[in-house]
Amino acid sequence: MALVLCTGVDTVLIRTRQLVLQKAGHKVVTAIDVSAVIAACQQNAFDVAVIGQAGSGHIKRQIMALIREYCPATKVLELYRFSMGRVLEEADAWLEVPVDVPQELAEHVSALAAQA
């Protein structure tokens, strides 16, 4: 079981990711804005942070910088759409996703958490 931070701009996608990861046995904390990411990192030692595919490149880079500053040991998984491509070259892993949430998300999170 991993402690996972799920971030993004779409509350429906975040909630769906949370349910998928919880069903796989992970504990999930969600954050939809900068202050919530900082607060979550100050209160938890996350194994993995998932940065959602719906945010702009600027927002994704900002969230990544906060995670690296406040949760430096946390592995980062960037979700991205094929049409946009990867934004976070310094992430630990990437997962191309369709419009809905991929079922393989939980497997990627588990694999990253095992690397810690």
PDB file of N, CA and C in Angstrom:
ATOM      1  N   MET A   1       0.843  -1.186   0.000  1.00  0.00           N
ATOM      2  CA  MET A   1       0.000   0.000   0.000  1.00  0.00           C
ATOM      3  C   MET A   1       0.884   1.244   0.000  1.00  0.00           C
ATOM      4  N   ALA A   2       0.556   2.158  -0.854  1.00  0.00           N
ATOM      5  CA  ALA A   2       1.301   3.416  -0.948  1.00  0.00           C
ATOM      6  C   ALA A   2       0.428   4.569  -0.462  1.00  0.00           C
ATOM      7  N   LEU A   3       1.087   5.596   0.036  1.00  0.00           N
ATOM      8  CA  LEU A   3       0.405   6.848   0.359  1.00  0.00           C
ATOM      9  C   LEU A   3       0.583   7.741  -0.859  1.00  0.00           C
ATOM     10  N   VAL A   4      -0.526   8.121  -1.488  1.00  0.00           N
ATOM     11  CA  VAL A   4      -0.507   8.791  -2.785  1.00  0.00           C
ATOM     12  C   VAL A   4      -1.155  10.165  -2.700  1.00  0.00           C
ATOM     13  N   LEU A   5      -0.499  11.153  -3.310  1.00  0.00           N
ATOM     14  CA  LEU A   5      -1.061  12.483  -3.485  1.00  0.00           C
ATOM     15  C   LEU A   5      -1.581  12.585  -4.907  1.00  0.00           C
ATOM     16  N   CYS A   6      -2.859  12.860  -5.072  1.00  0.00           N
ATOM     17  CA  CYS A   6      -3.455  13.055  -6.405  1.00  0.00           C
ATOM     18  C   CYS A   6      -3.733  14.536  -6.591  1.00  0.00           C
ATOM     19  N   THR A   7      -3.169  15.104  -7.653  1.00  0.00           N
ATOM     20  CA  THR A   7      -3.370  16.514  -7.949  1.00  0.00           C
ATOM     21  C   THR A   7      -3.975  16.664  -9.334  1.00  0.00           C
ATOM     22  N   GLY A   8      -4.555  17.812  -9.577  1.00  0.00           N
ATOM     23  CA  GLY A   8      -5.135  18.093 -10.882  1.00  0.00           C
ATOM     24  C   GLY A   8      -6.097  19.251 -10.785  1.00  0.00           C
ATOM     25  N   VAL A   9      -6.703  19.576 -11.904  1.00  0.00           N
ATOM     26  CA  VAL A   9      -7.637  20.700 -11.941  1.00  0.00           C
ATOM     27  C   VAL A   9      -9.082  20.247 -12.108  1.00  0.00           C
ATOM     28  N   ASP A  10      -9.288  18.991 -12.414  1.00  0.00           N
ATOM     29  CA  ASP A  10     -10.633  18.465 -12.646  1.00  0.00           C
ATOM     30  C   ASP A  10     -11.041  17.597 -11.459  1.00  0.00           C
ATOM     31  N   THR A  11     -11.992  18.081 -10.660  1.00  0.00           N
ATOM     32  CA  THR A  11     -12.377  17.360  -9.442  1.00  0.00           C
ATOM     33  C   THR A  11     -12.973  15.985  -9.731  1.00  0.00           C
ATOM     34  N   VAL A  12     -13.666  15.838 -10.847  1.00  0.00           N
ATOM     35  CA  VAL A  12     -14.253  14.541 -11.191  1.00  0.00           C
ATOM     36  C   VAL A  12     -13.146  13.533 -11.487  1.00  0.00           C
ATOM     37  N   LEU A  13     -12.143  13.939 -12.260  1.00  0.00           N
ATOM     38  CA  LEU A  13     -11.032  13.034 -12.560  1.00  0.00           C
ATOM     39  C   LEU A  13     -10.246  12.692 -11.301  1.00  0.00           C
ATOM     40  N   ILE A  14     -10.033  13.673 -10.452  1.00  0.00           N
ATOM     41  CA  ILE A  14      -9.306  13.409  -9.205  1.00  0.00           C
ATOM     42  C   ILE A  14     -10.070  12.401  -8.354  1.00  0.00           C
ATOM     43  N   ARG A  15     -11.350  12.580  -8.242  1.00  0.00           N
ATOM     44  CA  ARG A  15     -12.168  11.656  -7.442  1.00  0.00           C
ATOM     45  C   ARG A  15     -12.148  10.256  -8.041  1.00  0.00           C
ATOM     46  N   THR A  16     -12.228  10.158  -9.352  1.00  0.00           N
ATOM     47  CA  THR A  16     -12.192   8.851 -10.007  1.00  0.00           C
ATOM     48  C   THR A  16     -10.846   8.179  -9.771  1.00  0.00           C
ATOM     49  N   ARG A  17      -9.755   8.939  -9.921  1.00  0.00           N
ATOM     50  CA  ARG A  17      -8.419   8.384  -9.633  1.00  0.00           C
ATOM     51  C   ARG A  17      -8.327   7.906  -8.195  1.00  0.00           C
ATOM     52  N   GLN A  18      -8.871   8.714  -7.296  1.00  0.00           N
ATOM     53  CA  GLN A  18      -8.846   8.355  -5.876  1.00  0.00           C
ATOM     54  C   GLN A  18      -9.548   7.012  -5.656  1.00  0.00           C
ATOM     55  N   LEU A  19     -10.702   6.826  -6.254  1.00  0.00           N
ATOM     56  CA  LEU A  19     -11.446   5.576  -6.098  1.00  0.00           C
ATOM     57  C   LEU A  19     -10.684   4.388  -6.685  1.00  0.00           C
ATOM     58  N   VAL A  20     -10.091   4.570  -7.860  1.00  0.00           N
ATOM     59  CA  VAL A  20      -9.316   3.502  -8.497  1.00  0.00           C
ATOM     60  C   VAL A  20      -8.145   3.095  -7.602  1.00  0.00           C
ATOM     61  N   LEU A  21      -7.440   4.079  -7.074  1.00  0.00           N
ATOM     62  CA  LEU A  21      -6.274   3.791  -6.240  1.00  0.00           C
ATOM     63  C   LEU A  21      -6.676   3.196  -4.891  1.00  0.00           C
ATOM     64  N   GLN A  22      -7.744   3.675  -4.299  1.00  0.00           N
ATOM     65  CA  GLN A  22      -8.205   3.106  -3.035  1.00  0.00           C
ATOM     66  C   GLN A  22      -8.663   1.667  -3.210  1.00  0.00           C
ATOM     67  N   LYS A  23      -9.310   1.378  -4.310  1.00  0.00           N
ATOM     68  CA  LYS A  23      -9.751   0.012  -4.591  1.00  0.00           C
ATOM     69  C   LYS A  23      -8.546  -0.925  -4.688  1.00  0.00           C
ATOM     70  N   ALA A  24      -7.411  -0.394  -5.145  1.00  0.00           N
ATOM     71  CA  ALA A  24      -6.185  -1.188  -5.255  1.00  0.00           C
ATOM     72  C   ALA A  24      -5.424  -1.257  -3.924  1.00  0.00           C
ATOM     73  N   GLY A  25      -5.958  -0.617  -2.877  1.00  0.00           N
ATOM     74  CA  GLY A  25      -5.357  -0.701  -1.555  1.00  0.00           C
ATOM     75  C   GLY A  25      -4.490   0.471  -1.146  1.00  0.00           C
ATOM     76  N   HIS A  26      -4.426   1.501  -1.962  1.00  0.00           N
ATOM     77  CA  HIS A  26      -3.602   2.663  -1.640  1.00  0.00           C
ATOM     78  C   HIS A  26      -4.396   3.674  -0.808  1.00  0.00           C
ATOM     79  N   LYS A  27      -3.682   4.429   0.010  1.00  0.00           N
ATOM     80  CA  LYS A  27      -4.296   5.542   0.743  1.00  0.00           C
ATOM     81  C   LYS A  27      -4.070   6.797  -0.093  1.00  0.00           C
ATOM     82  N   VAL A  28      -5.106   7.588  -0.302  1.00  0.00           N
ATOM     83  CA  VAL A  28      -5.032   8.712  -1.226  1.00  0.00           C
ATOM     84  C   VAL A  28      -5.447  10.014  -0.548  1.00  0.00           C
ATOM     85  N   VAL A  29      -4.633  11.044  -0.780  1.00  0.00           N
ATOM     86  CA  VAL A  29      -4.946  12.411  -0.375  1.00  0.00           C
ATOM     87  C   VAL A  29      -5.050  13.214  -1.662  1.00  0.00           C
ATOM     88  N   THR A  30      -6.066  14.063  -1.773  1.00  0.00           N
ATOM     89  CA  THR A  30      -6.236  14.859  -2.991  1.00  0.00           C
ATOM     90  C   THR A  30      -5.923  16.327  -2.722  1.00  0.00           C
ATOM     91  N   ALA A  31      -5.476  17.007  -3.774  1.00  0.00           N
ATOM     92  CA  ALA A  31      -5.183  18.444  -3.692  1.00  0.00           C
ATOM     93  C   ALA A  31      -5.479  19.055  -5.048  1.00  0.00           C
ATOM     94  N   ILE A  32      -6.270  20.121  -5.047  1.00  0.00           N
ATOM     95  CA  ILE A  32      -6.679  20.729  -6.315  1.00  0.00           C
ATOM     96  C   ILE A  32      -6.031  22.083  -6.553  1.00  0.00           C
ATOM     97  N   ASP A  33      -5.330  22.631  -5.566  1.00  0.00           N
ATOM     98  CA  ASP A  33      -4.674  23.915  -5.782  1.00  0.00           C
ATOM     99  C   ASP A  33      -3.336  23.953  -5.046  1.00  0.00           C
ATOM    100  N   VAL A  34      -2.591  25.018  -5.269  1.00  0.00           N
ATOM    101  CA  VAL A  34      -1.235  25.155  -4.736  1.00  0.00           C
ATOM    102  C   VAL A  34      -1.208  25.056  -3.216  1.00  0.00           C
ATOM    103  N   SER A  35      -2.099  25.768  -2.548  1.00  0.00           N
ATOM    104  CA  SER A  35      -2.085  25.748  -1.080  1.00  0.00           C
ATOM    105  C   SER A  35      -2.417  24.364  -0.537  1.00  0.00           C
ATOM    106  N   ALA A  36      -3.293  23.642  -1.209  1.00  0.00           N
ATOM    107  CA  ALA A  36      -3.636  22.288  -0.775  1.00  0.00           C
ATOM    108  C   ALA A  36      -2.464  21.331  -0.975  1.00  0.00           C
ATOM    109  N   VAL A  37      -1.697  21.517  -2.048  1.00  0.00           N
ATOM    110  CA  VAL A  37      -0.513  20.681  -2.279  1.00  0.00           C
ATOM    111  C   VAL A  37       0.517  20.921  -1.176  1.00  0.00           C
ATOM    112  N   ILE A  38       0.779  22.175  -0.864  1.00  0.00           N
ATOM    113  CA  ILE A  38       1.745  22.511   0.188  1.00  0.00           C
ATOM    114  C   ILE A  38       1.302  21.925   1.523  1.00  0.00           C
ATOM    115  N   ALA A  39       0.040  22.137   1.886  1.00  0.00           N
ATOM    116  CA  ALA A  39      -0.480  21.623   3.157  1.00  0.00           C
ATOM    117  C   ALA A  39      -0.384  20.102   3.217  1.00  0.00           C
ATOM    118  N   ALA A  40      -0.755  19.438   2.137  1.00  0.00           N
ATOM    119  CA  ALA A  40      -0.704  17.972   2.110  1.00  0.00           C
ATOM    120  C   ALA A  40       0.724  17.472   2.283  1.00  0.00           C
ATOM    121  N   CYS A  41       1.677  18.112   1.610  1.00  0.00           N
ATOM    122  CA  CYS A  41       3.081  17.702   1.710  1.00  0.00           C
ATOM    123  C   CYS A  41       3.652  17.976   3.104  1.00  0.00           C
ATOM    124  N   GLN A  42       3.206  19.031   3.731  1.00  0.00           N
ATOM    125  CA  GLN A  42       3.696  19.346   5.073  1.00  0.00           C
ATOM    126  C   GLN A  42       3.154  18.364   6.111  1.00  0.00           C
ATOM    127  N   GLN A  43       2.031  17.735   5.818  1.00  0.00           N
ATOM    128  CA  GLN A  43       1.389  16.838   6.774  1.00  0.00           C
ATOM    129  C   GLN A  43       1.618  15.357   6.494  1.00  0.00           C
ATOM    130  N   ASN A  44       2.183  15.010   5.339  1.00  0.00           N
ATOM    131  CA  ASN A  44       2.312  13.604   4.944  1.00  0.00           C
ATOM    132  C   ASN A  44       3.653  13.331   4.281  1.00  0.00           C
ATOM    133  N   ALA A  45       4.082  12.099   4.375  1.00  0.00           N
ATOM    134  CA  ALA A  45       5.275  11.640   3.651  1.00  0.00           C
ATOM    135  C   ALA A  45       4.774  10.729   2.527  1.00  0.00           C
ATOM    136  N   PHE A  46       4.502  11.311   1.371  1.00  0.00           N
ATOM    137  CA  PHE A  46       3.924  10.562   0.255  1.00  0.00           C
ATOM    138  C   PHE A  46       4.956   9.662  -0.415  1.00  0.00           C
ATOM    139  N   ASP A  47       4.477   8.513  -0.862  1.00  0.00           N
ATOM    140  CA  ASP A  47       5.311   7.617  -1.661  1.00  0.00           C
ATOM    141  C   ASP A  47       5.297   8.068  -3.117  1.00  0.00           C
ATOM    142  N   VAL A  48       4.108   8.442  -3.591  1.00  0.00           N
ATOM    143  CA  VAL A  48       3.913   8.804  -5.000  1.00  0.00           C
ATOM    144  C   VAL A  48       2.966   9.994  -5.090  1.00  0.00           C
ATOM    145  N   ALA A  49       3.252  10.895  -6.027  1.00  0.00           N
ATOM    146  CA  ALA A  49       2.332  11.983  -6.364  1.00  0.00           C
ATOM    147  C   ALA A  49       1.924  11.814  -7.822  1.00  0.00           C
ATOM    148  N   VAL A  50       0.645  11.884  -8.084  1.00  0.00           N
ATOM    149  CA  VAL A  50       0.107  11.787  -9.437  1.00  0.00           C
ATOM    150  C   VAL A  50      -0.311  13.179  -9.868  1.00  0.00           C
ATOM    151  N   ILE A  51       0.285  13.664 -10.949  1.00  0.00           N
ATOM    152  CA  ILE A  51      -0.069  14.975 -11.495  1.00  0.00           C
ATOM    153  C   ILE A  51      -0.956  14.730 -12.708  1.00  0.00           C
ATOM    154  N   GLY A  52      -2.194  15.204 -12.627  1.00  0.00           N
ATOM    155  CA  GLY A  52      -3.202  14.919 -13.646  1.00  0.00           C
ATOM    156  C   GLY A  52      -2.931  15.527 -15.001  1.00  0.00           C
ATOM    157  N   GLN A  53      -3.594  14.961 -15.997  1.00  0.00           N
ATOM    158  CA  GLN A  53      -3.371  15.338 -17.388  1.00  0.00           C
ATOM    159  C   GLN A  53      -4.096  16.596 -17.813  1.00  0.00           C
ATOM    160  N   ALA A  54      -5.067  17.068 -17.039  1.00  0.00           N
ATOM    161  CA  ALA A  54      -5.918  18.167 -17.504  1.00  0.00           C
ATOM    162  C   ALA A  54      -5.311  19.552 -17.302  1.00  0.00           C
ATOM    163  N   GLY A  55      -4.288  19.679 -16.491  1.00  0.00           N
ATOM    164  CA  GLY A  55      -3.717  20.994 -16.227  1.00  0.00           C
ATOM    165  C   GLY A  55      -2.820  21.494 -17.353  1.00  0.00           C
ATOM    166  N   SER A  56      -2.640  22.803 -17.403  1.00  0.00           N
ATOM    167  CA  SER A  56      -1.723  23.384 -18.392  1.00  0.00           C
ATOM    168  C   SER A  56      -0.289  23.028 -18.017  1.00  0.00           C
ATOM    169  N   GLY A  57       0.615  23.216 -18.951  1.00  0.00           N
ATOM    170  CA  GLY A  57       2.023  22.975 -18.678  1.00  0.00           C
ATOM    171  C   GLY A  57       2.528  23.820 -17.525  1.00  0.00           C
ATOM    172  N   HIS A  58       2.095  25.060 -17.467  1.00  0.00           N
ATOM    173  CA  HIS A  58       2.512  25.957 -16.382  1.00  0.00           C
ATOM    174  C   HIS A  58       2.074  25.423 -15.020  1.00  0.00           C
ATOM    175  N   ILE A  59       0.822  25.014 -14.922  1.00  0.00           N
ATOM    176  CA  ILE A  59       0.298  24.498 -13.657  1.00  0.00           C
ATOM    177  C   ILE A  59       1.020  23.210 -13.268  1.00  0.00           C
ATOM    178  N   LYS A  60       1.235  22.332 -14.235  1.00  0.00           N
ATOM    179  CA  LYS A  60       1.922  21.072 -13.944  1.00  0.00           C
ATOM    180  C   LYS A  60       3.346  21.325 -13.431  1.00  0.00           C
ATOM    181  N   ARG A  61       4.053  22.258 -14.054  1.00  0.00           N
ATOM    182  CA  ARG A  61       5.414  22.580 -13.605  1.00  0.00           C
ATOM    183  C   ARG A  61       5.407  23.198 -12.212  1.00  0.00           C
ATOM    184  N   GLN A  62       4.409  24.032 -11.940  1.00  0.00           N
ATOM    185  CA  GLN A  62       4.289  24.651 -10.629  1.00  0.00           C
ATOM    186  C   GLN A  62       4.039  23.588  -9.550  1.00  0.00           C
ATOM    187  N   ILE A  63       3.136  22.658  -9.806  1.00  0.00           N
ATOM    188  CA  ILE A  63       2.840  21.578  -8.854  1.00  0.00           C
ATOM    189  C   ILE A  63       4.070  20.699  -8.659  1.00  0.00           C
ATOM    190  N   MET A  64       4.757  20.387  -9.739  1.00  0.00           N
ATOM    191  CA  MET A  64       5.975  19.569  -9.659  1.00  0.00           C
ATOM    192  C   MET A  64       7.021  20.253  -8.781  1.00  0.00           C
ATOM    193  N   ALA A  65       7.219  21.551  -8.964  1.00  0.00           N
ATOM    194  CA  ALA A  65       8.202  22.291  -8.162  1.00  0.00           C
ATOM    195  C   ALA A  65       7.833  22.255  -6.678  1.00  0.00           C
ATOM    196  N   LEU A  66       6.551  22.394  -6.379  1.00  0.00           N
ATOM    197  CA  LEU A  66       6.109  22.343  -4.986  1.00  0.00           C
ATOM    198  C   LEU A  66       6.332  20.960  -4.378  1.00  0.00           C
ATOM    199  N   ILE A  67       6.030  19.934  -5.141  1.00  0.00           N
ATOM    200  CA  ILE A  67       6.243  18.570  -4.649  1.00  0.00           C
ATOM    201  C   ILE A  67       7.728  18.327  -4.393  1.00  0.00           C
ATOM    202  N   ARG A  68       8.582  18.756  -5.299  1.00  0.00           N
ATOM    203  CA  ARG A  68      10.031  18.574  -5.114  1.00  0.00           C
ATOM    204  C   ARG A  68      10.540  19.375  -3.914  1.00  0.00           C
ATOM    205  N   GLU A  69       9.947  20.532  -3.666  1.00  0.00           N
ATOM    206  CA  GLU A  69      10.375  21.360  -2.531  1.00  0.00           C
ATOM    207  C   GLU A  69       9.861  20.818  -1.202  1.00  0.00           C
ATOM    208  N   TYR A  70       8.577  20.489  -1.136  1.00  0.00           N
ATOM    209  CA  TYR A  70       7.954  20.112   0.132  1.00  0.00           C
ATOM    210  C   TYR A  70       7.917  18.599   0.389  1.00  0.00           C
ATOM    211  N   CYS A  71       8.045  17.795  -0.640  1.00  0.00           N
ATOM    212  CA  CYS A  71       8.023  16.321  -0.512  1.00  0.00           C
ATOM    213  C   CYS A  71       9.147  15.747  -1.378  1.00  0.00           C
ATOM    214  N   PRO A  72      10.405  16.066  -1.098  1.00  0.00           N
ATOM    215  CA  PRO A  72      11.487  15.714  -2.014  1.00  0.00           C
ATOM    216  C   PRO A  72      11.684  14.216  -2.267  1.00  0.00           C
ATOM    217  N   ALA A  73      11.254  13.357  -1.366  1.00  0.00           N
ATOM    218  CA  ALA A  73      11.440  11.914  -1.555  1.00  0.00           C
ATOM    219  C   ALA A  73      10.302  11.275  -2.345  1.00  0.00           C
ATOM    220  N   THR A  74       9.284  12.035  -2.646  1.00  0.00           N
ATOM    221  CA  THR A  74       8.106  11.518  -3.335  1.00  0.00           C
ATOM    222  C   THR A  74       8.392  11.279  -4.813  1.00  0.00           C
ATOM    223  N   LYS A  75       7.995  10.111  -5.311  1.00  0.00           N
ATOM    224  CA  LYS A  75       8.088   9.806  -6.742  1.00  0.00           C
ATOM    225  C   LYS A  75       6.925  10.493  -7.455  1.00  0.00           C
ATOM    226  N   VAL A  76       7.188  11.046  -8.630  1.00  0.00           N
ATOM    227  CA  VAL A  76       6.155  11.780  -9.364  1.00  0.00           C
ATOM    228  C   VAL A  76       5.781  11.033 -10.640  1.00  0.00           C
ATOM    229  N   LEU A  77       4.484  10.802 -10.802  1.00  0.00           N
ATOM    230  CA  LEU A  77       3.919  10.195 -12.002  1.00  0.00           C
ATOM    231  C   LEU A  77       3.100  11.254 -12.723  1.00  0.00           C
ATOM    232  N   GLU A  78       3.527  11.600 -13.935  1.00  0.00           N
ATOM    233  CA  GLU A  78       2.767  12.567 -14.738  1.00  0.00           C
ATOM    234  C   GLU A  78       1.823  11.821 -15.667  1.00  0.00           C
ATOM    235  N   LEU A  79       0.554  12.175 -15.604  1.00  0.00           N
ATOM    236  CA  LEU A  79      -0.422  11.686 -16.566  1.00  0.00           C
ATOM    237  C   LEU A  79      -0.477  12.695 -17.703  1.00  0.00           C
ATOM    238  N   TYR A  80      -0.551  12.202 -18.925  1.00  0.00           N
ATOM    239  CA  TYR A  80      -0.589  13.121 -20.066  1.00  0.00           C
ATOM    240  C   TYR A  80      -1.421  12.542 -21.192  1.00  0.00           C
ATOM    241  N   ARG A  81      -1.939  13.435 -21.994  1.00  0.00           N
ATOM    242  CA  ARG A  81      -2.663  13.029 -23.204  1.00  0.00           C
ATOM    243  C   ARG A  81      -1.694  13.026 -24.372  1.00  0.00           C
ATOM    244  N   PHE A  82      -1.890  12.099 -25.290  1.00  0.00           N
ATOM    245  CA  PHE A  82      -1.036  11.994 -26.464  1.00  0.00           C
ATOM    246  C   PHE A  82      -0.963  13.317 -27.212  1.00  0.00           C
ATOM    247  N   SER A  83      -2.092  13.994 -27.306  1.00  0.00           N
ATOM    248  CA  SER A  83      -2.159  15.249 -28.055  1.00  0.00           C
ATOM    249  C   SER A  83      -1.311  16.355 -27.429  1.00  0.00           C
ATOM    250  N   MET A  84      -1.077  16.283 -26.126  1.00  0.00           N
ATOM    251  CA  MET A  84      -0.282  17.309 -25.446  1.00  0.00           C
ATOM    252  C   MET A  84       1.159  16.863 -25.213  1.00  0.00           C
ATOM    253  N   GLY A  85       1.358  15.575 -25.049  1.00  0.00           N
ATOM    254  CA  GLY A  85       2.693  15.059 -24.765  1.00  0.00           C
ATOM    255  C   GLY A  85       3.107  15.320 -23.328  1.00  0.00           C
ATOM    256  N   ARG A  86       4.278  14.791 -23.005  1.00  0.00           N
ATOM    257  CA  ARG A  86       4.834  14.979 -21.666  1.00  0.00           C
ATOM    258  C   ARG A  86       5.270  16.420 -21.469  1.00  0.00           C
ATOM    259  N   VAL A  87       5.071  16.918 -20.270  1.00  0.00           N
ATOM    260  CA  VAL A  87       5.503  18.266 -19.918  1.00  0.00           C
ATOM    261  C   VAL A  87       6.639  18.205 -18.898  1.00  0.00           C
ATOM    262  N   LEU A  88       6.554  17.261 -17.995  1.00  0.00           N
ATOM    263  CA  LEU A  88       7.472  17.185 -16.864  1.00  0.00           C
ATOM    264  C   LEU A  88       8.607  16.189 -17.125  1.00  0.00           C
ATOM    265  N   GLU A  89       9.630  16.650 -17.796  1.00  0.00           N
ATOM    266  CA  GLU A  89      10.749  15.766 -18.123  1.00  0.00           C
ATOM    267  C   GLU A  89      11.456  15.236 -16.877  1.00  0.00           C
ATOM    268  N   GLU A  90      11.351  15.979 -15.754  1.00  0.00           N
ATOM    269  CA  GLU A  90      12.013  15.554 -14.532  1.00  0.00           C
ATOM    270  C   GLU A  90      11.138  14.638 -13.665  1.00  0.00           C
ATOM    271  N   ALA A  91       9.964  14.258 -14.135  1.00  0.00           N
ATOM    272  CA  ALA A  91       9.117  13.314 -13.397  1.00  0.00           C
ATOM    273  C   ALA A  91       9.811  11.958 -13.341  1.00  0.00           C
ATOM    274  N   ASP A  92       9.371  11.116 -12.431  1.00  0.00           N
ATOM    275  CA  ASP A  92       9.953   9.782 -12.281  1.00  0.00           C
ATOM    276  C   ASP A  92       9.326   8.777 -13.235  1.00  0.00           C
ATOM    277  N   ALA A  93       8.088   9.043 -13.669  1.00  0.00           N
ATOM    278  CA  ALA A  93       7.395   8.148 -14.598  1.00  0.00           C
ATOM    279  C   ALA A  93       6.275   8.916 -15.282  1.00  0.00           C
ATOM    280  N   TRP A  94       5.802   8.354 -16.391  1.00  0.00           N
ATOM    281  CA  TRP A  94       4.749   8.983 -17.187  1.00  0.00           C
ATOM    282  C   TRP A  94       3.750   7.926 -17.588  1.00  0.00           C
ATOM    283  N   LEU A  95       2.503   8.352 -17.756  1.00  0.00           N
ATOM    284  CA  LEU A  95       1.460   7.442 -18.211  1.00  0.00           C
ATOM    285  C   LEU A  95       0.540   8.207 -19.151  1.00  0.00           C
ATOM    286  N   GLU A  96       0.513   7.760 -20.402  1.00  0.00           N
ATOM    287  CA  GLU A  96      -0.411   8.353 -21.375  1.00  0.00           C
ATOM    288  C   GLU A  96      -1.800   7.833 -21.057  1.00  0.00           C
ATOM    289  N   VAL A  97      -2.756   8.746 -21.020  1.00  0.00           N
ATOM    290  CA  VAL A  97      -4.104   8.342 -20.648  1.00  0.00           C
ATOM    291  C   VAL A  97      -5.114   8.709 -21.715  1.00  0.00           C
ATOM    292  N   PRO A  98      -6.187   7.922 -21.787  1.00  0.00           N
ATOM    293  CA  PRO A  98      -7.312   8.319 -22.626  1.00  0.00           C
ATOM    294  C   PRO A  98      -8.108   9.388 -21.880  1.00  0.00           C
ATOM    295  N   VAL A  99      -9.256   9.760 -22.391  1.00  0.00           N
ATOM    296  CA  VAL A  99     -10.066  10.789 -21.754  1.00  0.00           C
ATOM    297  C   VAL A  99     -10.482  10.352 -20.346  1.00  0.00           C
ATOM    298  N   ASP A 100     -10.774   9.081 -20.172  1.00  0.00           N
ATOM    299  CA  ASP A 100     -11.150   8.610 -18.839  1.00  0.00           C
ATOM    300  C   ASP A 100      -9.910   8.114 -18.090  1.00  0.00           C
ATOM    301  N   VAL A 101     -10.087   7.659 -16.866  1.00  0.00           N
ATOM    302  CA  VAL A 101      -8.959   7.238 -16.035  1.00  0.00           C
ATOM    303  C   VAL A 101      -8.527   5.826 -16.420  1.00  0.00           C
ATOM    304  N   PRO A 102      -7.231   5.637 -16.619  1.00  0.00           N
ATOM    305  CA  PRO A 102      -6.744   4.316 -17.026  1.00  0.00           C
ATOM    306  C   PRO A 102      -6.758   3.334 -15.855  1.00  0.00           C
ATOM    307  N   GLN A 103      -7.078   2.097 -16.152  1.00  0.00           N
ATOM    308  CA  GLN A 103      -7.064   1.059 -15.124  1.00  0.00           C
ATOM    309  C   GLN A 103      -5.638   0.739 -14.674  1.00  0.00           C
ATOM    310  N   GLU A 104      -4.668   0.976 -15.544  1.00  0.00           N
ATOM    311  CA  GLU A 104      -3.288   0.666 -15.177  1.00  0.00           C
ATOM    312  C   GLU A 104      -2.659   1.703 -14.250  1.00  0.00           C
ATOM    313  N   LEU A 105      -3.409   2.724 -13.869  1.00  0.00           N
ATOM    314  CA  LEU A 105      -2.905   3.739 -12.953  1.00  0.00           C
ATOM    315  C   LEU A 105      -2.429   3.110 -11.646  1.00  0.00           C
ATOM    316  N   ALA A 106      -3.230   2.242 -11.061  1.00  0.00           N
ATOM    317  CA  ALA A 106      -2.871   1.619  -9.781  1.00  0.00           C
ATOM    318  C   ALA A 106      -1.584   0.796  -9.912  1.00  0.00           C
ATOM    319  N   GLU A 107      -1.394   0.135 -11.036  1.00  0.00           N
ATOM    320  CA  GLU A 107      -0.166  -0.645 -11.236  1.00  0.00           C
ATOM    321  C   GLU A 107       1.057   0.255 -11.329  1.00  0.00           C
ATOM    322  N   HIS A 108       0.941   1.370 -12.003  1.00  0.00           N
ATOM    323  CA  HIS A 108       2.056   2.304 -12.106  1.00  0.00           C
ATOM    324  C   HIS A 108       2.406   2.901 -10.735  1.00  0.00           C
ATOM    325  N   VAL A 109       1.377   3.238  -9.970  1.00  0.00           N
ATOM    326  CA  VAL A 109       1.610   3.781  -8.630  1.00  0.00           C
ATOM    327  C   VAL A 109       2.305   2.740  -7.753  1.00  0.00           C
ATOM    328  N   SER A 110       1.843   1.513  -7.801  1.00  0.00           N
ATOM    329  CA  SER A 110       2.462   0.440  -6.998  1.00  0.00           C
ATOM    330  C   SER A 110       3.927   0.242  -7.379  1.00  0.00           C
ATOM    331  N   ALA A 111       4.212   0.270  -8.671  1.00  0.00           N
ATOM    332  CA  ALA A 111       5.590   0.083  -9.125  1.00  0.00           C
ATOM    333  C   ALA A 111       6.487   1.223  -8.660  1.00  0.00           C
ATOM    334  N   LEU A 112       5.996   2.442  -8.740  1.00  0.00           N
ATOM    335  CA  LEU A 112       6.781   3.580  -8.266  1.00  0.00           C
ATOM    336  C   LEU A 112       7.002   3.527  -6.761  1.00  0.00           C
ATOM    337  N   ALA A 113       5.975   3.181  -6.020  1.00  0.00           N
ATOM    338  CA  ALA A 113       6.089   3.102  -4.557  1.00  0.00           C
ATOM    339  C   ALA A 113       7.098   2.034  -4.156  1.00  0.00           C
ATOM    340  N   ALA A 114       7.190   0.971  -4.912  1.00  0.00           N
ATOM    341  CA  ALA A 114       8.134  -0.103  -4.603  1.00  0.00           C
ATOM    342  C   ALA A 114       9.587   0.342  -4.800  1.00  0.00           C
ATOM    343  N   GLN A 115       9.811   1.388  -5.590  1.00  0.00           N
ATOM    344  CA  GLN A 115      11.154   1.898  -5.844  1.00  0.00           C
ATOM    345  C   GLN A 115      11.676   2.755  -4.689  1.00  0.00           C
ATOM    346  N   ALA A 116      10.780   3.190  -3.821  1.00  0.00           N
ATOM    347  CA  ALA A 116      11.170   4.104  -2.727  1.00  0.00           C
ATOM    348  C   ALA A 116      12.122   3.456  -1.746  1.00  0.00           C
TER     349      ALA A 116
END
